[in-house]
Amino acid sequence: MAGSDVATDASSAPDTVKILIAGGFGVGKTTMVGSVSEIVPLRTEEPLTMAGLGVDDLDGIEEKRATTVALDFGRITISQDLVLYLFGTPGQQRFWFMWNDLALGALGAVVLVDVRRPESSFAAIDFFERRGIPFVVGVNGFFGEHPYPPEDIREALAVPEHVQLLLCDARDRESCRDVLIALIDQLIASAVQA
């Protein structure tokens, strides 16, 4: 009798999906994971130090005081059948070597973009394109502003038409949840077509 209880419990466990939250330095990855996670997120932030001067480009993000040095981790339950494990990548170039390990087992990604510094997004977009990992682009509206229309951002970043580009606010739970749901819908649609 106890064995059948275990089988029932295992069959009702939700599916878990690994999703990366990626992008350049200071685009809002830690903020997004923190705002949407239903658990207290794991953060590996450290204060910026004098050693980073000349290495970390703070143009446009002069107020930044800390940075992720390994990863951020959070969890969000989408439905009783689906739980997302969110892994935020470090943004600084010197930590990009970790992205390959973080990407193992990931079904998809959100590439966060800061339109004030679009050049910080190219490497992340290229990373997922080269590896064939499905992704959506979340355009983080700093200070609640989205100064450019999505079609202009798509063109500036050379994002292909098949990649969803969504305006969001990394500080807002619902906004982040909507970006994640768009990615999951895309992954499901791709699986059905395959």
N, C-alpha and C. Protein backbone atom coordinates (compact mmCIF):
# COMPACT_ATOMS: atom_id res chain seq x y z
N MET A 1 0.83 -1.19 0.00
CA MET A 1 0.00 0.00 0.00
C MET A 1 0.87 1.25 0.00
N ALA A 2 1.94 1.26 0.79
CA ALA A 2 2.81 2.44 0.87
C ALA A 2 3.47 2.71 -0.48
N GLY A 3 3.81 1.66 -1.23
CA GLY A 3 4.43 1.84 -2.54
C GLY A 3 3.50 2.56 -3.50
N SER A 4 2.21 2.29 -3.44
CA SER A 4 1.28 2.96 -4.34
C SER A 4 1.14 4.44 -3.99
N ASP A 5 1.26 4.78 -2.69
CA ASP A 5 1.22 6.18 -2.29
C ASP A 5 2.39 6.95 -2.88
N VAL A 6 3.55 6.32 -2.89
CA VAL A 6 4.74 6.96 -3.45
C VAL A 6 4.55 7.19 -4.94
N ALA A 7 4.00 6.21 -5.64
CA ALA A 7 3.77 6.36 -7.08
C ALA A 7 2.80 7.50 -7.35
N THR A 8 1.76 7.60 -6.54
CA THR A 8 0.78 8.66 -6.72
C THR A 8 1.42 10.02 -6.49
N ASP A 9 2.22 10.13 -5.41
CA ASP A 9 2.87 11.40 -5.12
C ASP A 9 3.83 11.79 -6.24
N ALA A 10 4.58 10.84 -6.77
CA ALA A 10 5.54 11.13 -7.83
C ALA A 10 4.83 11.56 -9.10
N SER A 11 3.70 10.94 -9.40
CA SER A 11 3.00 11.29 -10.65
C SER A 11 2.34 12.67 -10.55
N SER A 12 2.11 13.17 -9.33
CA SER A 12 1.48 14.47 -9.20
C SER A 12 2.48 15.60 -9.01
N ALA A 13 3.76 15.25 -8.95
CA ALA A 13 4.79 16.28 -8.80
C ALA A 13 4.82 17.15 -10.06
N PRO A 14 5.01 18.45 -9.90
CA PRO A 14 5.04 19.32 -11.08
C PRO A 14 6.31 19.12 -11.91
N ASP A 15 6.21 19.43 -13.19
CA ASP A 15 7.39 19.46 -14.04
C ASP A 15 8.20 20.69 -13.65
N THR A 16 9.52 20.55 -13.65
CA THR A 16 10.39 21.68 -13.36
C THR A 16 11.18 22.01 -14.62
N VAL A 17 11.35 23.29 -14.86
CA VAL A 17 12.03 23.78 -16.06
C VAL A 17 13.09 24.79 -15.64
N LYS A 18 14.28 24.62 -16.19
CA LYS A 18 15.38 25.55 -15.92
C LYS A 18 15.37 26.64 -16.98
N ILE A 19 15.33 27.89 -16.51
CA ILE A 19 15.31 29.06 -17.38
C ILE A 19 16.46 29.98 -16.96
N LEU A 20 17.20 30.49 -17.94
CA LEU A 20 18.25 31.47 -17.64
C LEU A 20 17.72 32.88 -17.81
N ILE A 21 18.15 33.76 -16.94
CA ILE A 21 17.91 35.19 -17.07
C ILE A 21 19.28 35.78 -17.35
N ALA A 22 19.49 36.25 -18.57
CA ALA A 22 20.83 36.65 -19.01
C ALA A 22 20.82 38.07 -19.56
N GLY A 23 22.01 38.58 -19.77
CA GLY A 23 22.15 39.91 -20.34
C GLY A 23 23.45 40.52 -19.85
N GLY A 24 23.69 41.71 -20.30
CA GLY A 24 24.92 42.41 -19.95
C GLY A 24 24.94 42.89 -18.51
N PHE A 25 26.02 43.52 -18.18
CA PHE A 25 26.27 44.06 -16.85
C PHE A 25 25.27 45.17 -16.53
N GLY A 26 24.54 45.02 -15.44
CA GLY A 26 23.65 46.08 -14.97
C GLY A 26 22.34 46.22 -15.70
N VAL A 27 21.86 45.17 -16.39
CA VAL A 27 20.60 45.29 -17.13
C VAL A 27 19.36 44.97 -16.30
N GLY A 28 19.54 44.39 -15.09
CA GLY A 28 18.39 44.11 -14.23
C GLY A 28 18.11 42.64 -13.97
N LYS A 29 19.08 41.78 -14.22
CA LYS A 29 18.87 40.34 -14.04
C LYS A 29 18.57 39.98 -12.58
N THR A 30 19.38 40.47 -11.66
CA THR A 30 19.17 40.19 -10.24
C THR A 30 17.82 40.75 -9.79
N THR A 31 17.50 41.93 -10.27
CA THR A 31 16.22 42.55 -9.92
C THR A 31 15.06 41.71 -10.42
N MET A 32 15.15 41.21 -11.67
CA MET A 32 14.07 40.39 -12.23
C MET A 32 13.88 39.11 -11.43
N VAL A 33 14.96 38.39 -11.17
CA VAL A 33 14.85 37.15 -10.40
C VAL A 33 14.23 37.44 -9.03
N GLY A 34 14.67 38.50 -8.39
CA GLY A 34 14.15 38.84 -7.07
C GLY A 34 12.70 39.26 -7.08
N SER A 35 12.27 39.96 -8.11
CA SER A 35 10.89 40.46 -8.12
C SER A 35 9.88 39.36 -8.43
N VAL A 36 10.28 38.34 -9.14
CA VAL A 36 9.32 37.31 -9.56
C VAL A 36 9.41 36.05 -8.71
N SER A 37 10.50 35.85 -8.00
CA SER A 37 10.70 34.61 -7.24
C SER A 37 9.74 34.52 -6.06
N GLU A 38 9.17 33.33 -5.87
CA GLU A 38 8.28 33.10 -4.73
C GLU A 38 9.05 32.68 -3.49
N ILE A 39 10.34 32.45 -3.64
CA ILE A 39 11.20 32.16 -2.50
C ILE A 39 12.19 33.32 -2.37
N VAL A 40 12.82 33.41 -1.23
CA VAL A 40 13.89 34.40 -1.09
C VAL A 40 14.99 33.98 -2.04
N PRO A 41 15.33 34.82 -3.01
CA PRO A 41 16.32 34.37 -4.00
C PRO A 41 17.72 34.24 -3.42
N LEU A 42 18.45 33.29 -3.98
CA LEU A 42 19.86 33.16 -3.68
C LEU A 42 20.58 34.19 -4.54
N ARG A 43 21.40 34.98 -3.92
CA ARG A 43 22.16 36.00 -4.65
C ARG A 43 23.63 35.86 -4.31
N THR A 44 24.47 36.10 -5.30
CA THR A 44 25.91 36.08 -5.07
C THR A 44 26.47 37.45 -5.42
N GLU A 45 25.85 38.48 -4.88
CA GLU A 45 26.30 39.84 -5.15
C GLU A 45 27.44 40.22 -4.22
N GLU A 46 28.35 40.97 -4.78
CA GLU A 46 29.46 41.52 -4.02
C GLU A 46 29.57 43.00 -4.36
N PRO A 47 30.06 43.80 -3.44
CA PRO A 47 30.21 45.23 -3.72
C PRO A 47 31.22 45.47 -4.84
N LEU A 48 30.96 46.48 -5.65
CA LEU A 48 31.94 46.90 -6.64
C LEU A 48 33.12 47.50 -5.89
N THR A 49 34.31 47.23 -6.37
CA THR A 49 35.51 47.70 -5.68
C THR A 49 36.39 48.49 -6.63
N MET A 50 37.41 49.07 -6.08
CA MET A 50 38.38 49.82 -6.88
C MET A 50 39.06 48.93 -7.90
N ALA A 51 39.17 47.63 -7.61
CA ALA A 51 39.81 46.70 -8.54
C ALA A 51 39.05 46.62 -9.87
N GLY A 52 37.75 46.93 -9.85
CA GLY A 52 36.94 46.87 -11.05
C GLY A 52 37.01 48.12 -11.91
N LEU A 53 37.61 49.19 -11.39
CA LEU A 53 37.75 50.42 -12.17
C LEU A 53 38.56 50.14 -13.43
N GLY A 54 38.06 50.59 -14.54
CA GLY A 54 38.74 50.34 -15.80
C GLY A 54 38.41 48.99 -16.40
N VAL A 55 37.77 48.11 -15.60
CA VAL A 55 37.37 46.79 -16.08
C VAL A 55 35.86 46.77 -16.30
N ASP A 56 35.11 47.25 -15.31
CA ASP A 56 33.65 47.29 -15.39
C ASP A 56 33.21 48.63 -15.95
N ASP A 57 32.44 48.58 -17.02
CA ASP A 57 31.96 49.80 -17.66
C ASP A 57 30.70 50.28 -16.95
N LEU A 58 30.80 51.35 -16.19
CA LEU A 58 29.67 51.89 -15.43
C LEU A 58 28.97 53.04 -16.15
N ASP A 59 29.33 53.28 -17.41
CA ASP A 59 28.65 54.35 -18.16
C ASP A 59 27.16 54.05 -18.23
N GLY A 60 26.36 54.98 -17.75
CA GLY A 60 24.91 54.84 -17.76
C GLY A 60 24.35 54.15 -16.53
N ILE A 61 25.22 53.52 -15.73
CA ILE A 61 24.76 52.83 -14.52
C ILE A 61 25.66 53.21 -13.34
N GLU A 62 25.99 54.47 -13.27
CA GLU A 62 26.91 54.96 -12.24
C GLU A 62 26.41 54.70 -10.82
N GLU A 63 25.10 54.53 -10.64
CA GLU A 63 24.54 54.30 -9.31
C GLU A 63 24.72 52.85 -8.84
N LYS A 64 25.16 51.96 -9.71
CA LYS A 64 25.34 50.54 -9.37
C LYS A 64 26.41 50.39 -8.29
N ARG A 65 26.11 49.63 -7.24
CA ARG A 65 27.03 49.48 -6.11
C ARG A 65 27.48 48.03 -5.89
N ALA A 66 26.75 47.06 -6.47
CA ALA A 66 27.10 45.65 -6.29
C ALA A 66 26.90 44.92 -7.61
N THR A 67 27.49 43.75 -7.71
CA THR A 67 27.37 42.96 -8.93
C THR A 67 27.32 41.47 -8.61
N THR A 68 26.65 40.71 -9.46
CA THR A 68 26.58 39.26 -9.31
C THR A 68 27.90 38.66 -9.76
N VAL A 69 28.47 37.80 -8.93
CA VAL A 69 29.75 37.20 -9.26
C VAL A 69 29.65 35.71 -9.61
N ALA A 70 28.49 35.11 -9.44
CA ALA A 70 28.31 33.71 -9.82
C ALA A 70 26.94 33.52 -10.47
N LEU A 71 25.87 33.64 -9.68
CA LEU A 71 24.53 33.46 -10.22
C LEU A 71 23.51 33.98 -9.23
N ASP A 72 22.30 34.14 -9.74
CA ASP A 72 21.13 34.38 -8.90
C ASP A 72 20.24 33.16 -9.09
N PHE A 73 19.47 32.81 -8.08
CA PHE A 73 18.56 31.67 -8.21
C PHE A 73 17.23 32.02 -7.57
N GLY A 74 16.16 31.70 -8.29
CA GLY A 74 14.82 31.89 -7.77
C GLY A 74 13.90 30.83 -8.32
N ARG A 75 12.68 30.83 -7.84
CA ARG A 75 11.69 29.84 -8.28
C ARG A 75 10.34 30.52 -8.39
N ILE A 76 9.59 30.12 -9.42
CA ILE A 76 8.21 30.61 -9.57
C ILE A 76 7.34 29.46 -10.05
N THR A 77 6.20 29.29 -9.39
CA THR A 77 5.24 28.29 -9.79
C THR A 77 4.29 28.93 -10.80
N ILE A 78 4.28 28.38 -12.00
CA ILE A 78 3.40 28.90 -13.05
C ILE A 78 2.01 28.28 -12.92
N SER A 79 1.96 26.98 -12.63
CA SER A 79 0.70 26.27 -12.40
C SER A 79 1.01 25.08 -11.51
N GLN A 80 -0.01 24.32 -11.13
CA GLN A 80 0.25 23.16 -10.27
C GLN A 80 1.08 22.11 -10.98
N ASP A 81 1.18 22.23 -12.31
CA ASP A 81 1.95 21.27 -13.10
C ASP A 81 3.31 21.78 -13.54
N LEU A 82 3.62 23.07 -13.29
CA LEU A 82 4.84 23.63 -13.84
C LEU A 82 5.51 24.62 -12.87
N VAL A 83 6.77 24.35 -12.57
CA VAL A 83 7.59 25.22 -11.73
C VAL A 83 8.83 25.60 -12.53
N LEU A 84 9.15 26.89 -12.52
CA LEU A 84 10.34 27.37 -13.20
C LEU A 84 11.44 27.63 -12.18
N TYR A 85 12.63 27.13 -12.48
CA TYR A 85 13.82 27.46 -11.71
C TYR A 85 14.58 28.49 -12.52
N LEU A 86 14.79 29.64 -11.93
CA LEU A 86 15.41 30.76 -12.63
C LEU A 86 16.87 30.91 -12.20
N PHE A 87 17.73 30.96 -13.19
CA PHE A 87 19.16 31.14 -12.94
C PHE A 87 19.60 32.42 -13.62
N GLY A 88 19.93 33.44 -12.83
CA GLY A 88 20.43 34.69 -13.37
C GLY A 88 21.94 34.60 -13.57
N THR A 89 22.38 34.97 -14.75
CA THR A 89 23.81 34.89 -15.08
C THR A 89 24.54 36.15 -14.63
N PRO A 90 25.85 36.04 -14.39
CA PRO A 90 26.62 37.26 -14.14
C PRO A 90 26.77 38.02 -15.46
N GLY A 91 26.82 39.34 -15.38
CA GLY A 91 26.84 40.14 -16.60
C GLY A 91 28.21 40.59 -17.08
N GLN A 92 29.17 40.64 -16.18
CA GLN A 92 30.48 41.15 -16.58
C GLN A 92 31.22 40.13 -17.44
N GLN A 93 31.93 40.63 -18.43
CA GLN A 93 32.61 39.77 -19.38
C GLN A 93 33.55 38.78 -18.69
N ARG A 94 34.21 39.19 -17.63
CA ARG A 94 35.16 38.28 -16.98
C ARG A 94 34.48 37.08 -16.33
N PHE A 95 33.15 37.10 -16.18
CA PHE A 95 32.42 35.98 -15.60
C PHE A 95 31.65 35.16 -16.65
N TRP A 96 31.77 35.51 -17.92
CA TRP A 96 31.00 34.82 -18.96
C TRP A 96 31.37 33.35 -19.08
N PHE A 97 32.56 32.96 -18.63
CA PHE A 97 32.94 31.55 -18.73
C PHE A 97 31.93 30.66 -18.00
N MET A 98 31.20 31.21 -17.03
CA MET A 98 30.23 30.44 -16.26
C MET A 98 28.94 30.18 -17.04
N TRP A 99 28.70 30.96 -18.08
CA TRP A 99 27.45 30.82 -18.81
C TRP A 99 27.28 29.43 -19.40
N ASN A 100 28.33 28.82 -19.91
CA ASN A 100 28.22 27.48 -20.48
C ASN A 100 27.72 26.48 -19.45
N ASP A 101 28.26 26.53 -18.24
CA ASP A 101 27.80 25.63 -17.19
C ASP A 101 26.37 25.94 -16.77
N LEU A 102 26.05 27.21 -16.64
CA LEU A 102 24.69 27.58 -16.25
C LEU A 102 23.67 27.17 -17.31
N ALA A 103 24.08 27.15 -18.57
CA ALA A 103 23.16 26.82 -19.67
C ALA A 103 22.85 25.33 -19.76
N LEU A 104 23.66 24.48 -19.12
CA LEU A 104 23.41 23.04 -19.18
C LEU A 104 22.02 22.72 -18.63
N GLY A 105 21.21 22.09 -19.42
CA GLY A 105 19.87 21.70 -19.00
C GLY A 105 18.82 22.78 -19.09
N ALA A 106 19.20 23.98 -19.52
CA ALA A 106 18.21 25.06 -19.64
C ALA A 106 17.37 24.84 -20.89
N LEU A 107 16.06 25.00 -20.75
CA LEU A 107 15.17 24.88 -21.90
C LEU A 107 15.02 26.19 -22.66
N GLY A 108 15.31 27.31 -22.00
CA GLY A 108 15.16 28.60 -22.65
C GLY A 108 15.75 29.69 -21.80
N ALA A 109 15.65 30.91 -22.33
CA ALA A 109 16.25 32.05 -21.64
C ALA A 109 15.47 33.33 -21.91
N VAL A 110 15.62 34.25 -20.99
CA VAL A 110 15.18 35.64 -21.17
C VAL A 110 16.47 36.45 -21.27
N VAL A 111 16.63 37.18 -22.37
CA VAL A 111 17.75 38.10 -22.50
C VAL A 111 17.22 39.48 -22.15
N LEU A 112 17.70 40.03 -21.04
CA LEU A 112 17.28 41.37 -20.64
C LEU A 112 18.14 42.40 -21.35
N VAL A 113 17.48 43.47 -21.78
CA VAL A 113 18.14 44.54 -22.53
C VAL A 113 17.89 45.86 -21.83
N ASP A 114 18.93 46.67 -21.76
CA ASP A 114 18.83 48.04 -21.28
C ASP A 114 19.02 48.93 -22.51
N VAL A 115 17.96 49.61 -22.95
CA VAL A 115 18.06 50.41 -24.18
C VAL A 115 19.00 51.60 -24.04
N ARG A 116 19.36 51.94 -22.80
CA ARG A 116 20.35 53.00 -22.61
C ARG A 116 21.74 52.53 -23.03
N ARG A 117 21.94 51.21 -23.02
CA ARG A 117 23.24 50.62 -23.34
C ARG A 117 23.03 49.35 -24.17
N PRO A 118 22.51 49.47 -25.39
CA PRO A 118 22.18 48.28 -26.18
C PRO A 118 23.38 47.39 -26.49
N GLU A 119 24.56 47.99 -26.54
CA GLU A 119 25.75 47.19 -26.86
C GLU A 119 26.02 46.11 -25.81
N SER A 120 25.48 46.27 -24.61
CA SER A 120 25.68 45.26 -23.57
C SER A 120 24.85 44.00 -23.81
N SER A 121 23.98 44.02 -24.81
CA SER A 121 23.08 42.91 -25.07
C SER A 121 23.54 41.97 -26.18
N PHE A 122 24.42 42.44 -27.03
CA PHE A 122 24.80 41.65 -28.20
C PHE A 122 25.39 40.29 -27.83
N ALA A 123 26.27 40.25 -26.84
CA ALA A 123 26.92 38.99 -26.48
C ALA A 123 25.92 37.96 -25.98
N ALA A 124 24.92 38.38 -25.21
CA ALA A 124 23.92 37.44 -24.69
C ALA A 124 23.05 36.90 -25.83
N ILE A 125 22.63 37.77 -26.72
CA ILE A 125 21.82 37.32 -27.86
C ILE A 125 22.62 36.32 -28.69
N ASP A 126 23.87 36.65 -28.97
CA ASP A 126 24.75 35.77 -29.74
C ASP A 126 24.95 34.43 -29.03
N PHE A 127 25.11 34.44 -27.72
CA PHE A 127 25.32 33.21 -26.94
C PHE A 127 24.19 32.22 -27.20
N PHE A 128 22.93 32.68 -27.08
CA PHE A 128 21.80 31.76 -27.22
C PHE A 128 21.54 31.38 -28.68
N GLU A 129 21.77 32.30 -29.60
CA GLU A 129 21.62 31.97 -31.02
C GLU A 129 22.61 30.88 -31.42
N ARG A 130 23.87 31.01 -31.03
CA ARG A 130 24.91 30.04 -31.40
C ARG A 130 24.64 28.66 -30.81
N ARG A 131 24.02 28.60 -29.67
CA ARG A 131 23.77 27.31 -29.01
C ARG A 131 22.39 26.75 -29.32
N GLY A 132 21.59 27.50 -30.05
CA GLY A 132 20.25 27.02 -30.39
C GLY A 132 19.32 26.93 -29.20
N ILE A 133 19.58 27.73 -28.18
CA ILE A 133 18.71 27.76 -27.00
C ILE A 133 17.64 28.82 -27.24
N PRO A 134 16.36 28.43 -27.22
CA PRO A 134 15.29 29.40 -27.46
C PRO A 134 15.32 30.52 -26.40
N PHE A 135 15.01 31.72 -26.85
CA PHE A 135 15.00 32.85 -25.92
C PHE A 135 14.00 33.90 -26.37
N VAL A 136 13.62 34.74 -25.42
CA VAL A 136 12.86 35.95 -25.70
C VAL A 136 13.70 37.11 -25.22
N VAL A 137 13.44 38.28 -25.75
CA VAL A 137 14.14 39.48 -25.33
C VAL A 137 13.18 40.32 -24.49
N GLY A 138 13.60 40.62 -23.27
CA GLY A 138 12.84 41.49 -22.39
C GLY A 138 13.52 42.84 -22.32
N VAL A 139 12.84 43.87 -22.78
CA VAL A 139 13.40 45.21 -22.77
C VAL A 139 13.01 45.86 -21.45
N ASN A 140 13.98 45.97 -20.56
CA ASN A 140 13.74 46.47 -19.21
C ASN A 140 13.60 47.99 -19.23
N GLY A 141 12.44 48.47 -18.81
CA GLY A 141 12.18 49.90 -18.77
C GLY A 141 12.66 50.52 -17.48
N PHE A 142 13.88 51.01 -17.49
CA PHE A 142 14.42 51.65 -16.29
C PHE A 142 13.63 52.91 -15.98
N PHE A 143 13.38 53.12 -14.71
CA PHE A 143 12.59 54.26 -14.23
C PHE A 143 11.17 54.23 -14.82
N GLY A 144 10.70 53.02 -15.18
CA GLY A 144 9.35 52.86 -15.72
C GLY A 144 9.17 53.42 -17.11
N GLU A 145 10.25 53.70 -17.81
CA GLU A 145 10.16 54.33 -19.13
C GLU A 145 10.60 53.37 -20.23
N HIS A 146 9.91 53.47 -21.35
CA HIS A 146 10.27 52.76 -22.58
C HIS A 146 10.33 53.80 -23.69
N PRO A 147 11.49 54.43 -23.87
CA PRO A 147 11.59 55.56 -24.80
C PRO A 147 11.55 55.20 -26.29
N TYR A 148 11.70 53.91 -26.62
CA TYR A 148 11.74 53.52 -28.03
C TYR A 148 10.70 52.45 -28.30
N PRO A 149 10.09 52.48 -29.48
CA PRO A 149 9.13 51.43 -29.83
C PRO A 149 9.85 50.10 -30.07
N PRO A 150 9.16 48.99 -29.80
CA PRO A 150 9.79 47.67 -29.95
C PRO A 150 10.42 47.42 -31.32
N GLU A 151 9.80 47.90 -32.39
CA GLU A 151 10.35 47.65 -33.73
C GLU A 151 11.70 48.35 -33.92
N ASP A 152 11.88 49.51 -33.30
CA ASP A 152 13.17 50.20 -33.37
C ASP A 152 14.24 49.44 -32.58
N ILE A 153 13.85 48.90 -31.44
CA ILE A 153 14.79 48.12 -30.62
C ILE A 153 15.18 46.85 -31.36
N ARG A 154 14.20 46.17 -31.94
CA ARG A 154 14.47 44.95 -32.70
C ARG A 154 15.48 45.21 -33.81
N GLU A 155 15.28 46.31 -34.52
CA GLU A 155 16.19 46.65 -35.62
C GLU A 155 17.59 46.99 -35.09
N ALA A 156 17.66 47.78 -34.03
CA ALA A 156 18.96 48.18 -33.48
C ALA A 156 19.77 46.99 -32.97
N LEU A 157 19.07 45.99 -32.42
CA LEU A 157 19.75 44.82 -31.89
C LEU A 157 19.86 43.68 -32.90
N ALA A 158 19.28 43.86 -34.09
CA ALA A 158 19.27 42.83 -35.14
C ALA A 158 18.65 41.53 -34.61
N VAL A 159 17.56 41.67 -33.85
CA VAL A 159 16.86 40.50 -33.32
C VAL A 159 15.94 39.96 -34.41
N PRO A 160 16.08 38.68 -34.76
CA PRO A 160 15.22 38.10 -35.80
C PRO A 160 13.73 38.18 -35.45
N GLU A 161 12.90 38.21 -36.46
CA GLU A 161 11.45 38.34 -36.27
C GLU A 161 10.86 37.20 -35.45
N HIS A 162 11.43 36.00 -35.54
CA HIS A 162 10.86 34.86 -34.81
C HIS A 162 11.12 34.93 -33.30
N VAL A 163 11.99 35.84 -32.86
CA VAL A 163 12.28 36.01 -31.43
C VAL A 163 11.35 37.07 -30.87
N GLN A 164 10.61 36.71 -29.83
CA GLN A 164 9.70 37.68 -29.21
C GLN A 164 10.50 38.76 -28.49
N LEU A 165 10.06 39.99 -28.66
CA LEU A 165 10.65 41.13 -27.98
C LEU A 165 9.55 41.79 -27.17
N LEU A 166 9.72 41.81 -25.85
CA LEU A 166 8.66 42.25 -24.94
C LEU A 166 9.16 43.38 -24.05
N LEU A 167 8.34 44.40 -23.89
CA LEU A 167 8.66 45.48 -22.96
C LEU A 167 8.33 45.00 -21.56
N CYS A 168 9.19 45.30 -20.60
CA CYS A 168 8.95 44.84 -19.23
C CYS A 168 9.59 45.81 -18.24
N ASP A 169 9.34 45.55 -16.99
CA ASP A 169 9.95 46.29 -15.89
C ASP A 169 10.46 45.25 -14.91
N ALA A 170 11.76 45.10 -14.78
CA ALA A 170 12.36 44.07 -13.93
C ALA A 170 11.96 44.20 -12.47
N ARG A 171 11.44 45.36 -12.06
CA ARG A 171 11.02 45.57 -10.68
C ARG A 171 9.61 45.08 -10.41
N ASP A 172 8.86 44.79 -11.48
CA ASP A 172 7.44 44.48 -11.36
C ASP A 172 7.18 42.98 -11.55
N ARG A 173 6.65 42.34 -10.53
CA ARG A 173 6.41 40.88 -10.56
C ARG A 173 5.55 40.46 -11.75
N GLU A 174 4.44 41.15 -11.97
CA GLU A 174 3.54 40.75 -13.05
C GLU A 174 4.19 40.90 -14.42
N SER A 175 4.94 41.97 -14.58
CA SER A 175 5.63 42.20 -15.84
C SER A 175 6.64 41.08 -16.12
N CYS A 176 7.40 40.70 -15.11
CA CYS A 176 8.39 39.62 -15.25
C CYS A 176 7.70 38.28 -15.50
N ARG A 177 6.62 38.04 -14.77
CA ARG A 177 5.86 36.81 -14.96
C ARG A 177 5.36 36.70 -16.39
N ASP A 178 4.88 37.81 -16.96
CA ASP A 178 4.37 37.80 -18.33
C ASP A 178 5.47 37.45 -19.34
N VAL A 179 6.69 37.95 -19.11
CA VAL A 179 7.81 37.62 -19.99
C VAL A 179 8.11 36.13 -19.89
N LEU A 180 8.11 35.59 -18.69
CA LEU A 180 8.38 34.16 -18.51
C LEU A 180 7.29 33.31 -19.15
N ILE A 181 6.05 33.71 -19.01
CA ILE A 181 4.94 32.97 -19.63
C ILE A 181 5.06 33.00 -21.15
N ALA A 182 5.46 34.14 -21.71
CA ALA A 182 5.66 34.22 -23.16
C ALA A 182 6.74 33.23 -23.62
N LEU A 183 7.81 33.12 -22.84
CA LEU A 183 8.86 32.15 -23.17
C LEU A 183 8.32 30.73 -23.08
N ILE A 184 7.60 30.40 -22.02
CA ILE A 184 7.06 29.04 -21.87
C ILE A 184 6.09 28.73 -23.01
N ASP A 185 5.22 29.68 -23.36
CA ASP A 185 4.30 29.47 -24.49
C ASP A 185 5.07 29.18 -25.77
N GLN A 186 6.18 29.91 -25.97
CA GLN A 186 7.02 29.69 -27.15
C GLN A 186 7.64 28.28 -27.12
N LEU A 187 8.12 27.87 -25.97
CA LEU A 187 8.72 26.53 -25.85
C LEU A 187 7.69 25.44 -26.11
N ILE A 188 6.47 25.63 -25.59
CA ILE A 188 5.40 24.64 -25.81
C ILE A 188 5.04 24.58 -27.29
N ALA A 189 4.90 25.74 -27.92
CA ALA A 189 4.55 25.79 -29.35
C ALA A 189 5.61 25.09 -30.19
N SER A 190 6.89 25.30 -29.85
CA SER A 190 7.97 24.65 -30.58
C SER A 190 7.94 23.13 -30.40
N ALA A 191 7.63 22.70 -29.18
CA ALA A 191 7.57 21.25 -28.90
C ALA A 191 6.43 20.60 -29.66
N VAL A 192 5.29 21.28 -29.77
CA VAL A 192 4.14 20.75 -30.48
C VAL A 192 4.43 20.64 -31.97
N GLN A 193 5.16 21.60 -32.53
CA GLN A 193 5.49 21.60 -33.95
C GLN A 193 6.53 20.55 -34.30
N ALA A 194 7.34 20.14 -33.33
CA ALA A 194 8.44 19.20 -33.60
C ALA A 194 7.96 17.80 -33.85
